Amino acid sequence: MEVAVGDAELAPYVAALNGLVEARQLMPCQVAELRGEMNK
């Protein structure tokens, strides 16, 4: 099963993730931190 998202398509996912993370007063993620399939 492949669940990776291409680097060019990460921005909306990072925005949604950061909304959840910031609601818990945690540090947001950057797109660069999530690039590449091994980081998913």
N, C-alpha and C. Protein backbone atom coordinates (compact mmCIF):
# COMPACT_ATOMS: atom_id res chain seq x y z
N MET A 1 0.85 -1.18 0.00
CA MET A 1 0.00 0.00 0.00
C MET A 1 0.89 1.24 0.00
N GLU A 2 0.66 2.13 -0.94
CA GLU A 2 1.44 3.35 -1.02
C GLU A 2 0.62 4.53 -0.51
N VAL A 3 1.17 5.26 0.44
CA VAL A 3 0.44 6.39 1.01
C VAL A 3 1.24 7.68 0.96
N ALA A 4 2.26 7.74 0.12
CA ALA A 4 3.10 8.92 0.02
C ALA A 4 2.43 10.01 -0.81
N VAL A 5 2.76 11.25 -0.51
CA VAL A 5 2.29 12.41 -1.25
C VAL A 5 3.51 13.07 -1.86
N GLY A 6 3.40 13.48 -3.11
CA GLY A 6 4.52 14.15 -3.77
C GLY A 6 4.88 15.46 -3.09
N ASP A 7 6.16 15.83 -3.18
CA ASP A 7 6.64 17.04 -2.52
C ASP A 7 5.84 18.28 -2.92
N ALA A 8 5.48 18.38 -4.19
CA ALA A 8 4.74 19.55 -4.68
C ALA A 8 3.32 19.62 -4.12
N GLU A 9 2.82 18.51 -3.58
CA GLU A 9 1.45 18.45 -3.06
C GLU A 9 1.38 18.49 -1.54
N LEU A 10 2.49 18.72 -0.87
CA LEU A 10 2.53 18.65 0.59
C LEU A 10 1.90 19.85 1.30
N ALA A 11 1.95 21.02 0.71
CA ALA A 11 1.54 22.25 1.39
C ALA A 11 0.16 22.17 2.08
N PRO A 12 -0.90 21.69 1.42
CA PRO A 12 -2.19 21.63 2.11
C PRO A 12 -2.20 20.66 3.30
N TYR A 13 -1.44 19.59 3.18
CA TYR A 13 -1.37 18.62 4.27
C TYR A 13 -0.61 19.20 5.46
N VAL A 14 0.46 19.93 5.18
CA VAL A 14 1.24 20.56 6.24
C VAL A 14 0.39 21.62 6.94
N ALA A 15 -0.38 22.37 6.18
CA ALA A 15 -1.26 23.39 6.78
C ALA A 15 -2.29 22.75 7.71
N ALA A 16 -2.89 21.65 7.28
CA ALA A 16 -3.87 20.95 8.12
C ALA A 16 -3.20 20.37 9.35
N LEU A 17 -2.05 19.77 9.18
CA LEU A 17 -1.30 19.20 10.30
C LEU A 17 -0.94 20.30 11.29
N ASN A 18 -0.44 21.42 10.79
CA ASN A 18 -0.05 22.50 11.68
C ASN A 18 -1.22 23.10 12.44
N GLY A 19 -2.39 23.10 11.83
CA GLY A 19 -3.58 23.56 12.55
C GLY A 19 -3.85 22.69 13.77
N LEU A 20 -3.70 21.39 13.63
CA LEU A 20 -3.90 20.47 14.75
C LEU A 20 -2.79 20.59 15.78
N VAL A 21 -1.57 20.71 15.29
CA VAL A 21 -0.41 20.79 16.18
C VAL A 21 -0.44 22.08 17.00
N GLU A 22 -0.75 23.19 16.35
CA GLU A 22 -0.78 24.48 17.04
C GLU A 22 -1.92 24.55 18.05
N ALA A 23 -3.00 23.82 17.80
CA ALA A 23 -4.10 23.77 18.77
C ALA A 23 -3.65 23.15 20.08
N ARG A 24 -2.61 22.34 20.02
CA ARG A 24 -2.04 21.72 21.22
C ARG A 24 -0.81 22.48 21.71
N GLN A 25 -0.61 23.66 21.15
CA GLN A 25 0.50 24.54 21.51
C GLN A 25 1.86 23.86 21.34
N LEU A 26 2.01 23.12 20.23
CA LEU A 26 3.26 22.48 19.88
C LEU A 26 3.89 23.20 18.69
N MET A 27 5.14 22.91 18.41
CA MET A 27 5.85 23.54 17.31
C MET A 27 5.31 23.03 15.97
N PRO A 28 5.03 23.93 15.02
CA PRO A 28 4.55 23.51 13.71
C PRO A 28 5.65 22.84 12.89
N CYS A 29 5.24 22.07 11.90
CA CYS A 29 6.16 21.39 10.99
C CYS A 29 6.40 22.26 9.77
N GLN A 30 7.53 22.04 9.13
CA GLN A 30 7.86 22.70 7.87
C GLN A 30 7.76 21.66 6.75
N VAL A 31 7.45 22.10 5.55
CA VAL A 31 7.36 21.20 4.41
C VAL A 31 8.66 20.42 4.24
N ALA A 32 9.80 21.09 4.42
CA ALA A 32 11.10 20.42 4.24
C ALA A 32 11.29 19.24 5.17
N GLU A 33 10.65 19.27 6.33
CA GLU A 33 10.78 18.17 7.29
C GLU A 33 10.01 16.93 6.85
N LEU A 34 9.06 17.10 5.96
CA LEU A 34 8.20 16.01 5.55
C LEU A 34 8.42 15.53 4.13
N ARG A 35 9.42 16.05 3.48
CA ARG A 35 9.72 15.64 2.09
C ARG A 35 10.28 14.24 2.04
N GLY A 36 9.96 13.53 0.98
CA GLY A 36 10.49 12.19 0.77
C GLY A 36 9.59 11.14 1.41
N GLU A 37 9.42 10.03 0.73
CA GLU A 37 8.50 8.99 1.19
C GLU A 37 8.89 8.39 2.53
N MET A 38 10.18 8.32 2.83
CA MET A 38 10.59 7.69 4.08
C MET A 38 10.18 8.50 5.30
N ASN A 39 9.81 9.76 5.14
CA ASN A 39 9.44 10.61 6.26
C ASN A 39 7.93 10.61 6.54
N LYS A 40 7.19 9.83 5.82
CA LYS A 40 5.74 9.83 5.98
C LYS A 40 5.36 8.87 7.08
